[in-house]
Structure formats: structure tokens, C-alpha cells
């Protein structure tokens, strides 16, 4: 099963996705938590530490900022991918072409593993004034549509609540 949690920054989507996966995880094995963040500054490090403290030892943590497909290919238990937005950011930073990014994402979505994906909804605001930000928003929207098509369930998150979209 593939499940998408999408919402704005600080909407509660990560916490909701973690709880959802833990409640729906079958078997005694801990699920994986695939963290995609690359650390570029202290503020980002602090944000990640909050996530680490919240999940404690409930997950087996994997860290991979770029090669999601290679990392997920051999996973035999459910995986929470936190987050697709940061992965997209990393891919753009490493100058990976959009077509290759979307191709890798689609291959991930076709893997025979249960996935819970977390993604920021960034398309509800104004059109940015710089090319890179517009590129990110466009790519993020395409990725969201691709995930929405492939996921069995989609939840929109706001104010710490989740609304089933699919």
C-alpha cells in the first residue's frame, strides 16, 4: 500500500504520517524511517532533532538525500519517506534533470513495498519571483500529482488534522 500525507509546513503531516504508519504496520518488525534531509545550517539541524526526539526508537532510521530508489529497493518492511519535498530540493541542488527526478520517483512508487510519503504542498501561494523557486514549485506539483495517482490513500493535513482525499 502507498499512502501520501501532503500539507503545508508545520501542518502536522509528519507526526500524522508517523502515527498512521505505526498504527497500520503489521508484524513485530519496526518500520523504516527514510530521512532525506541534507544538513546545510544549524536551524535545519534543530528541526531534524525535533523529529528524531519525537520518533525515539520506534523506527529504524535510514538516511539518504538523493538515491531513494537504491535505498528502498531492498526494504522488506514498511517505510516512511520524510520527506519527498526535501528530496526534490536535494535533487535540484545536485542538478539532476527534472525528467530523471520524476522517473526515479515513479520507479519508487512501483516498488513492492508499503510506503508512507510526506510531501509539502507548496503550490497554494503566489508565484515566486525567481527561476529556481518556480522550478521547485513546478517540480513539486508534478511530483504531488504523480504520487496522488500511484498512492492508494492521500491525506491533506492542516492544523494537525488530516482529511482523506483518496
Protein backbone atom coordinates (compact mmCIF):
# COMPACT_ATOMS: atom_id res chain seq x y z
CA UNK A 1 0.00 0.00 0.00
CA UNK A 2 1.17 3.53 -0.78
CA UNK A 3 -0.05 6.48 1.29
CA UNK A 4 0.65 10.19 0.83
CA UNK A 5 0.48 12.85 3.55
CA UNK A 6 0.54 16.31 1.98
CA UNK A 7 0.22 19.70 3.64
CA UNK A 8 1.99 22.94 4.41
CA UNK A 9 4.98 23.44 6.66
CA UNK A 10 4.02 22.83 10.32
CA UNK A 11 0.65 21.32 9.33
CA UNK A 12 1.29 18.19 11.41
CA UNK A 13 1.79 15.92 8.41
CA UNK A 14 5.00 14.27 9.69
CA UNK A 15 3.53 13.46 13.10
CA UNK A 16 0.32 12.20 11.49
CA UNK A 17 2.24 10.07 8.98
CA UNK A 18 4.37 8.55 11.73
CA UNK A 19 1.30 7.67 13.82
CA UNK A 20 -0.51 6.29 10.78
CA UNK A 21 2.36 4.01 9.84
CA UNK A 22 2.85 2.74 13.39
CA UNK A 23 -0.88 2.00 13.73
CA UNK A 24 -1.10 0.25 10.37
CA UNK A 25 2.20 -1.60 10.45
CA UNK A 26 1.68 -5.34 10.51
CA UNK A 27 4.06 -7.62 12.33
CA UNK A 28 6.53 -7.07 15.12
CA UNK A 29 9.28 -5.54 12.98
CA UNK A 30 9.91 -1.83 13.27
CA UNK A 31 9.21 0.14 10.11
CA UNK A 32 11.93 2.11 8.39
CA UNK A 33 12.14 5.90 8.54
CA UNK A 34 13.94 7.19 5.45
CA UNK A 35 15.24 10.68 6.23
CA UNK A 36 16.13 12.72 3.14
CA UNK A 37 17.47 15.93 4.69
CA UNK A 38 20.95 17.18 3.93
CA UNK A 39 22.27 19.44 6.67
CA UNK A 40 23.30 22.88 5.46
CA UNK A 41 22.74 25.01 8.56
CA UNK A 42 22.08 24.89 12.31
CA UNK A 43 18.38 25.71 12.00
CA UNK A 44 17.79 22.65 9.80
CA UNK A 45 19.76 20.52 12.26
CA UNK A 46 17.47 21.70 15.07
CA UNK A 47 14.36 20.85 13.03
CA UNK A 48 15.67 17.34 12.39
CA UNK A 49 16.49 16.85 16.08
CA UNK A 50 12.84 17.56 16.95
CA UNK A 51 11.77 14.80 14.53
CA UNK A 52 14.37 12.42 15.96
CA UNK A 53 13.23 13.03 19.53
CA UNK A 54 9.58 12.50 18.60
CA UNK A 55 10.12 9.17 16.85
CA UNK A 56 12.58 7.89 19.53
CA UNK A 57 13.36 4.26 18.74
CA UNK A 58 10.04 3.38 17.11
CA UNK A 59 11.63 3.25 13.63
CA UNK A 60 14.85 2.04 12.06
CA UNK A 61 16.33 5.19 10.58
CA UNK A 62 17.88 5.25 7.12
CA UNK A 63 19.44 8.44 5.80
CA UNK A 64 19.65 9.08 2.06
CA UNK A 65 19.32 12.52 0.49
CA UNK A 66 19.46 11.53 -3.20
CA UNK A 67 19.26 7.83 -4.11
CA UNK A 68 15.79 6.87 -2.92
CA UNK A 69 15.32 4.04 -5.39
CA UNK A 70 18.57 2.28 -4.49
CA UNK A 71 17.83 2.66 -0.78
CA UNK A 72 14.24 1.42 -0.99
CA UNK A 73 14.78 -1.44 -3.44
CA UNK A 74 15.74 -3.98 -0.77
CA UNK A 75 13.42 -2.83 2.02
CA UNK A 76 11.30 -5.71 3.27
CA UNK A 77 9.16 -3.76 5.74
CA UNK A 78 7.09 -0.55 5.56
CA UNK A 79 8.94 2.72 5.03
CA UNK A 80 8.09 6.30 5.92
CA UNK A 81 9.81 8.70 3.48
CA UNK A 82 10.36 12.02 5.24
CA UNK A 83 10.22 13.97 3.09
CA UNK A 84 9.75 13.95 -0.65
CA UNK A 85 9.95 17.77 -0.77
CA UNK A 86 13.40 17.79 0.76
CA UNK A 87 14.46 15.03 -1.62
CA UNK A 88 13.28 17.16 -4.57
CA UNK A 89 15.25 20.09 -3.16
CA UNK A 90 18.36 17.90 -2.90
CA UNK A 91 17.95 16.64 -6.44
CA UNK A 92 17.72 20.20 -7.78
CA UNK A 93 20.72 21.21 -5.67
CA UNK A 94 22.71 18.35 -7.22
CA UNK A 95 21.49 19.47 -10.67
CA UNK A 96 19.62 16.28 -11.52
CA UNK A 97 17.33 16.87 -14.53
CA UNK A 98 13.59 17.02 -13.86
CA UNK A 99 12.83 14.05 -16.09
CA UNK A 100 15.32 11.87 -14.17
CA UNK A 101 13.83 13.01 -10.85
CA UNK A 102 10.29 12.14 -11.85
CA UNK A 103 11.44 8.86 -13.39
CA UNK A 104 13.13 7.85 -10.11
CA UNK A 105 10.05 8.86 -8.12
CA UNK A 106 7.79 6.77 -10.34
CA UNK A 107 10.13 3.78 -10.00
CA UNK A 108 9.97 4.20 -6.21
CA UNK A 109 6.18 4.26 -6.35
CA UNK A 110 6.18 0.99 -8.30
CA UNK A 111 8.31 -0.88 -5.75
CA UNK A 112 6.53 -3.74 -3.94
CA UNK A 113 6.96 -2.15 -0.51
CA UNK A 114 4.48 -0.33 1.71
CA UNK A 115 5.32 3.37 1.64
CA UNK A 116 4.08 6.36 3.60
CA UNK A 117 5.25 9.52 1.86
CA UNK A 118 5.36 13.01 3.37
CA UNK A 119 5.27 15.98 0.99
CA UNK A 120 4.91 19.74 1.39
CA UNK A 121 2.10 21.41 -0.52
CA UNK A 122 3.89 24.46 -1.88
CA UNK A 123 1.57 25.42 -4.71
CA UNK A 124 -1.05 27.31 -2.74
CA UNK A 125 0.87 30.59 -2.57
CA UNK A 126 1.95 33.23 -5.04
CA UNK A 127 4.23 32.57 -7.98
CA UNK A 128 7.81 33.23 -6.81
CA UNK A 129 9.93 35.93 -8.36
CA UNK A 130 12.97 33.73 -9.10
CA UNK A 131 13.53 30.91 -11.55
CA UNK A 132 14.83 28.30 -9.08
CA UNK A 133 11.86 28.73 -6.73
CA UNK A 134 9.45 28.46 -9.69
CA UNK A 135 11.29 25.34 -10.86
CA UNK A 136 10.94 23.80 -7.39
CA UNK A 137 7.23 24.60 -7.15
CA UNK A 138 6.55 23.22 -10.62
CA UNK A 139 8.52 20.04 -9.89
CA UNK A 140 6.84 19.68 -6.51
CA UNK A 141 3.41 19.93 -8.13
CA UNK A 142 4.29 17.33 -10.75
CA UNK A 143 5.65 15.03 -8.03
CA UNK A 144 2.47 15.51 -5.96
CA UNK A 145 0.30 14.60 -8.95
CA UNK A 146 2.42 11.51 -9.65
CA UNK A 147 2.19 10.40 -6.02
CA UNK A 148 -1.54 11.13 -5.96
CA UNK A 149 -2.03 8.86 -8.97
CA UNK A 150 0.01 5.98 -7.54
CA UNK A 151 -0.99 6.16 -3.89
CA UNK A 152 -3.88 4.13 -2.54
CA UNK A 153 -4.62 6.77 0.08
CA UNK A 154 -3.96 10.51 0.16
CA UNK A 155 -4.42 12.72 3.23
CA UNK A 156 -4.30 16.52 3.21
CA UNK A 157 -3.01 17.86 6.52
CA UNK A 158 -3.72 21.21 8.15
CA UNK A 159 -3.88 22.39 11.77
CA UNK A 160 -2.71 18.98 12.98
CA UNK A 161 -5.66 17.25 11.34
CA UNK A 162 -5.86 15.03 8.28
CA UNK A 163 -8.55 15.00 5.65
CA UNK A 164 -8.88 11.92 3.43
CA UNK A 165 -8.71 12.93 -0.23
CA UNK A 166 -8.46 9.41 -1.64
